């Protein structure tokens, strides 16, 4: 995959990064090498090894609500609050 400075500019825009021209050139070169290594790894023979989503299967954890010992201490850490709730900016307009 050919990676150009334009690709780096697009990624930087998505990530909200401001890059210098030198950084754009450097990152384009680095990404080109990374994609080259990935292409090489994709062609590697690995008989008897099944593809996996991750290197180690995660242990499932229970997703249970829990009470905090000092609710007021947690609310004091919030940048904004309204009564007993943390006030966050509106996500959807």
N, C-alpha and C. Protein backbone atom coordinates (compact mmCIF):
# COMPACT_ATOMS: atom_id res chain seq x y z
N UNK A 1 0.85 -1.18 0.00
CA UNK A 1 0.00 0.00 0.00
C UNK A 1 0.89 1.24 0.00
N UNK A 2 0.67 2.07 -0.95
CA UNK A 2 1.45 3.30 -1.05
C UNK A 2 0.85 4.36 -0.13
N UNK A 3 1.65 4.88 0.79
CA UNK A 3 1.19 5.89 1.73
C UNK A 3 1.80 7.23 1.33
N UNK A 4 0.96 8.23 1.18
CA UNK A 4 1.44 9.54 0.74
C UNK A 4 1.26 10.57 1.85
N UNK A 5 1.83 11.73 1.61
CA UNK A 5 1.68 12.84 2.55
C UNK A 5 0.20 13.22 2.67
N UNK A 6 -0.56 13.07 1.59
CA UNK A 6 -1.98 13.38 1.61
C UNK A 6 -2.72 12.44 2.57
N UNK A 7 -2.32 11.15 2.61
CA UNK A 7 -2.92 10.21 3.55
C UNK A 7 -2.64 10.62 4.99
N UNK A 8 -1.42 11.05 5.26
CA UNK A 8 -1.05 11.50 6.60
C UNK A 8 -1.85 12.74 6.98
N UNK A 9 -2.03 13.66 6.03
CA UNK A 9 -2.83 14.86 6.30
C UNK A 9 -4.27 14.49 6.65
N UNK A 10 -4.82 13.51 5.94
CA UNK A 10 -6.18 13.07 6.22
C UNK A 10 -6.27 12.45 7.62
N UNK A 11 -5.31 11.59 7.97
CA UNK A 11 -5.30 10.98 9.31
C UNK A 11 -5.12 12.04 10.39
N UNK A 12 -4.26 13.00 10.14
CA UNK A 12 -4.03 14.07 11.12
C UNK A 12 -5.30 14.88 11.33
N UNK A 13 -6.03 15.12 10.25
CA UNK A 13 -7.29 15.87 10.36
C UNK A 13 -8.30 15.09 11.19
N UNK A 14 -8.40 13.77 10.95
CA UNK A 14 -9.33 12.94 11.71
C UNK A 14 -8.96 12.92 13.20
N UNK A 15 -7.65 12.91 13.48
CA UNK A 15 -7.17 12.86 14.86
C UNK A 15 -7.04 14.25 15.48
N UNK A 16 -7.39 15.28 14.72
CA UNK A 16 -7.31 16.67 15.20
C UNK A 16 -5.88 17.03 15.59
N UNK A 17 -4.91 16.63 14.73
CA UNK A 17 -3.51 16.93 14.98
C UNK A 17 -3.02 17.99 13.99
N UNK A 18 -2.15 18.85 14.46
CA UNK A 18 -1.49 19.81 13.58
C UNK A 18 -0.07 19.33 13.38
N UNK A 19 0.31 19.02 12.15
CA UNK A 19 1.63 18.50 11.85
C UNK A 19 2.39 19.48 10.96
N UNK A 20 3.70 19.52 11.17
CA UNK A 20 4.55 20.31 10.28
C UNK A 20 4.77 19.51 9.00
N UNK A 21 5.30 20.18 7.98
CA UNK A 21 5.58 19.49 6.71
C UNK A 21 6.60 18.36 6.93
N UNK A 22 7.59 18.61 7.80
CA UNK A 22 8.60 17.59 8.07
C UNK A 22 7.97 16.37 8.74
N UNK A 23 7.04 16.60 9.67
CA UNK A 23 6.37 15.49 10.35
C UNK A 23 5.52 14.69 9.37
N UNK A 24 4.85 15.38 8.46
CA UNK A 24 4.03 14.68 7.46
C UNK A 24 4.89 13.76 6.60
N UNK A 25 6.04 14.27 6.16
CA UNK A 25 6.94 13.45 5.36
C UNK A 25 7.46 12.25 6.17
N UNK A 26 7.85 12.51 7.41
CA UNK A 26 8.38 11.46 8.28
C UNK A 26 7.33 10.39 8.52
N UNK A 27 6.12 10.79 8.87
CA UNK A 27 5.06 9.82 9.18
C UNK A 27 4.65 9.05 7.94
N UNK A 28 4.66 9.68 6.77
CA UNK A 28 4.33 8.96 5.53
C UNK A 28 5.36 7.87 5.29
N UNK A 29 6.62 8.19 5.51
CA UNK A 29 7.70 7.21 5.35
C UNK A 29 7.55 6.07 6.36
N UNK A 30 7.27 6.41 7.61
CA UNK A 30 7.12 5.39 8.65
C UNK A 30 5.92 4.49 8.38
N UNK A 31 4.80 5.07 7.96
CA UNK A 31 3.61 4.27 7.66
C UNK A 31 3.86 3.33 6.48
N UNK A 32 4.61 3.81 5.49
CA UNK A 32 4.95 2.97 4.34
C UNK A 32 5.71 1.73 4.80
N UNK A 33 6.67 1.91 5.72
CA UNK A 33 7.44 0.78 6.26
C UNK A 33 6.55 -0.17 7.06
N UNK A 34 5.67 0.39 7.89
CA UNK A 34 4.78 -0.42 8.71
C UNK A 34 3.88 -1.27 7.84
N UNK A 35 3.28 -0.66 6.80
CA UNK A 35 2.40 -1.42 5.90
C UNK A 35 3.18 -2.48 5.13
N UNK A 36 4.42 -2.20 4.82
CA UNK A 36 5.27 -3.19 4.16
C UNK A 36 5.50 -4.39 5.07
N UNK A 37 5.75 -4.15 6.36
CA UNK A 37 5.94 -5.25 7.31
C UNK A 37 4.66 -6.06 7.47
N UNK A 38 3.51 -5.37 7.52
CA UNK A 38 2.24 -6.07 7.64
C UNK A 38 2.01 -6.96 6.43
N UNK A 39 2.31 -6.45 5.25
CA UNK A 39 2.16 -7.25 4.03
C UNK A 39 3.06 -8.49 4.09
N UNK A 40 4.27 -8.31 4.59
CA UNK A 40 5.20 -9.43 4.73
C UNK A 40 4.67 -10.45 5.74
N UNK A 41 4.13 -9.98 6.86
CA UNK A 41 3.57 -10.89 7.87
C UNK A 41 2.34 -11.64 7.35
N UNK A 42 1.53 -10.97 6.55
CA UNK A 42 0.34 -11.62 6.00
C UNK A 42 0.71 -12.79 5.10
N UNK A 43 1.87 -12.73 4.48
CA UNK A 43 2.30 -13.80 3.59
C UNK A 43 3.05 -14.91 4.30
N UNK A 44 3.29 -14.76 5.59
CA UNK A 44 4.07 -15.76 6.34
C UNK A 44 3.28 -17.05 6.51
N UNK A 45 3.98 -18.18 6.40
CA UNK A 45 3.37 -19.48 6.62
C UNK A 45 3.31 -19.76 8.11
N UNK A 46 2.16 -20.21 8.58
CA UNK A 46 2.00 -20.58 9.99
C UNK A 46 1.09 -21.81 10.05
N UNK A 47 1.61 -22.97 9.64
CA UNK A 47 0.77 -24.16 9.60
C UNK A 47 0.29 -24.57 11.00
N UNK A 48 -0.98 -24.89 11.09
CA UNK A 48 -1.55 -25.34 12.35
C UNK A 48 -1.90 -24.24 13.32
N UNK A 49 -1.70 -22.99 12.95
CA UNK A 49 -2.01 -21.87 13.84
C UNK A 49 -3.28 -21.19 13.32
N UNK A 50 -4.30 -21.17 14.14
CA UNK A 50 -5.56 -20.53 13.75
C UNK A 50 -5.50 -19.03 14.04
N UNK A 51 -6.11 -18.23 13.18
CA UNK A 51 -6.16 -16.78 13.45
C UNK A 51 -6.99 -16.50 14.70
N UNK A 52 -6.59 -15.47 15.44
CA UNK A 52 -7.33 -15.07 16.64
C UNK A 52 -7.55 -13.57 16.62
N UNK A 53 -8.55 -13.15 17.37
CA UNK A 53 -8.80 -11.71 17.47
C UNK A 53 -7.80 -11.03 18.38
N UNK A 54 -7.30 -11.76 19.38
CA UNK A 54 -6.32 -11.19 20.29
C UNK A 54 -5.34 -12.28 20.72
N UNK A 55 -4.21 -11.87 21.25
CA UNK A 55 -3.18 -12.83 21.63
C UNK A 55 -3.59 -13.69 22.81
N UNK A 56 -4.35 -13.13 23.70
CA UNK A 56 -4.78 -13.87 24.89
C UNK A 56 -6.27 -13.62 25.10
N UNK A 57 -7.00 -14.71 25.32
CA UNK A 57 -8.44 -14.57 25.52
C UNK A 57 -8.69 -13.81 26.82
N UNK A 58 -9.50 -12.77 26.77
CA UNK A 58 -9.75 -12.00 27.99
C UNK A 58 -10.66 -12.77 28.95
N UNK A 59 -10.43 -12.54 30.21
CA UNK A 59 -11.29 -13.13 31.24
C UNK A 59 -12.54 -12.26 31.36
N UNK A 60 -13.71 -12.86 31.23
CA UNK A 60 -14.90 -12.03 31.38
C UNK A 60 -15.03 -11.52 32.81
N UNK A 61 -15.43 -10.28 32.95
CA UNK A 61 -15.62 -9.74 34.29
C UNK A 61 -17.09 -9.42 34.47
N UNK A 62 -17.57 -9.56 35.67
CA UNK A 62 -18.98 -9.24 35.88
C UNK A 62 -19.19 -7.73 35.75
N UNK A 63 -20.24 -7.36 35.09
CA UNK A 63 -20.56 -5.95 34.92
C UNK A 63 -21.72 -5.62 35.86
N UNK A 64 -21.36 -5.40 37.10
CA UNK A 64 -22.36 -5.18 38.13
C UNK A 64 -22.23 -3.78 38.70
N UNK A 65 -23.34 -3.12 38.99
CA UNK A 65 -23.25 -1.80 39.61
C UNK A 65 -22.73 -1.93 41.04
N UNK A 66 -22.04 -0.91 41.50
CA UNK A 66 -21.54 -0.93 42.87
C UNK A 66 -21.69 0.45 43.49
N UNK A 67 -21.85 0.48 44.79
CA UNK A 67 -21.98 1.73 45.52
C UNK A 67 -20.59 2.25 45.88
N UNK A 68 -20.41 3.55 45.80
CA UNK A 68 -19.15 4.16 46.21
C UNK A 68 -19.28 4.58 47.67
N UNK A 69 -18.18 4.45 48.39
CA UNK A 69 -18.19 4.77 49.81
C UNK A 69 -18.47 6.25 50.06
N UNK A 70 -17.86 7.12 49.24
CA UNK A 70 -18.01 8.56 49.46
C UNK A 70 -18.46 9.24 48.17
N UNK A 71 -19.75 9.26 47.95
CA UNK A 71 -20.33 9.84 46.74
C UNK A 71 -19.95 11.31 46.58
N UNK A 72 -19.97 12.06 47.66
CA UNK A 72 -19.66 13.48 47.60
C UNK A 72 -18.22 13.73 47.14
N UNK A 73 -17.29 12.86 47.57
CA UNK A 73 -15.89 13.02 47.15
C UNK A 73 -15.77 12.86 45.63
N UNK A 74 -16.51 11.94 45.06
CA UNK A 74 -16.47 11.74 43.61
C UNK A 74 -17.11 12.92 42.89
N UNK A 75 -18.23 13.40 43.38
CA UNK A 75 -18.90 14.54 42.75
C UNK A 75 -18.04 15.81 42.82
N UNK A 76 -17.22 15.96 43.86
CA UNK A 76 -16.35 17.13 43.96
C UNK A 76 -15.29 17.12 42.86
N UNK A 77 -14.96 15.95 42.31
CA UNK A 77 -13.95 15.86 41.25
C UNK A 77 -14.50 16.29 39.89
N UNK A 78 -15.80 16.31 39.74
CA UNK A 78 -16.41 16.65 38.45
C UNK A 78 -16.20 18.12 38.14
N UNK A 79 -15.91 18.45 36.88
CA UNK A 79 -15.73 19.86 36.52
C UNK A 79 -17.03 20.66 36.68
N UNK A 80 -18.17 20.01 36.42
CA UNK A 80 -19.48 20.67 36.61
C UNK A 80 -20.44 19.65 37.19
N UNK A 81 -21.30 20.12 38.04
CA UNK A 81 -22.31 19.22 38.59
C UNK A 81 -23.61 19.97 38.79
N UNK A 82 -24.68 19.20 38.87
CA UNK A 82 -26.00 19.74 39.12
C UNK A 82 -26.65 18.82 40.14
N UNK A 83 -26.84 19.34 41.34
CA UNK A 83 -27.35 18.57 42.48
C UNK A 83 -26.45 17.34 42.71
N UNK A 84 -26.98 16.14 42.61
CA UNK A 84 -26.19 14.93 42.86
C UNK A 84 -25.75 14.24 41.59
N UNK A 85 -25.61 15.03 40.49
CA UNK A 85 -25.24 14.46 39.21
C UNK A 85 -24.07 15.21 38.61
N UNK A 86 -23.26 14.49 37.82
CA UNK A 86 -22.20 15.14 37.06
C UNK A 86 -22.82 15.69 35.79
N UNK A 87 -22.57 16.97 35.50
CA UNK A 87 -23.15 17.61 34.32
C UNK A 87 -22.11 17.58 33.21
N UNK A 88 -22.51 16.98 32.09
CA UNK A 88 -21.62 16.86 30.93
C UNK A 88 -22.20 17.67 29.78
N UNK A 89 -21.34 18.07 28.83
CA UNK A 89 -21.86 18.80 27.68
C UNK A 89 -22.76 17.91 26.83
N UNK A 90 -23.68 18.51 26.13
CA UNK A 90 -24.62 17.79 25.29
C UNK A 90 -23.83 17.10 24.15
N UNK A 91 -24.05 15.81 23.97
CA UNK A 91 -23.32 15.05 22.95
C UNK A 91 -24.03 15.08 21.60
N UNK A 92 -25.36 15.12 21.62
CA UNK A 92 -26.12 15.10 20.37
C UNK A 92 -27.04 16.32 20.37
N UNK A 93 -27.04 17.01 19.27
CA UNK A 93 -27.90 18.20 19.17
C UNK A 93 -29.16 17.88 18.41
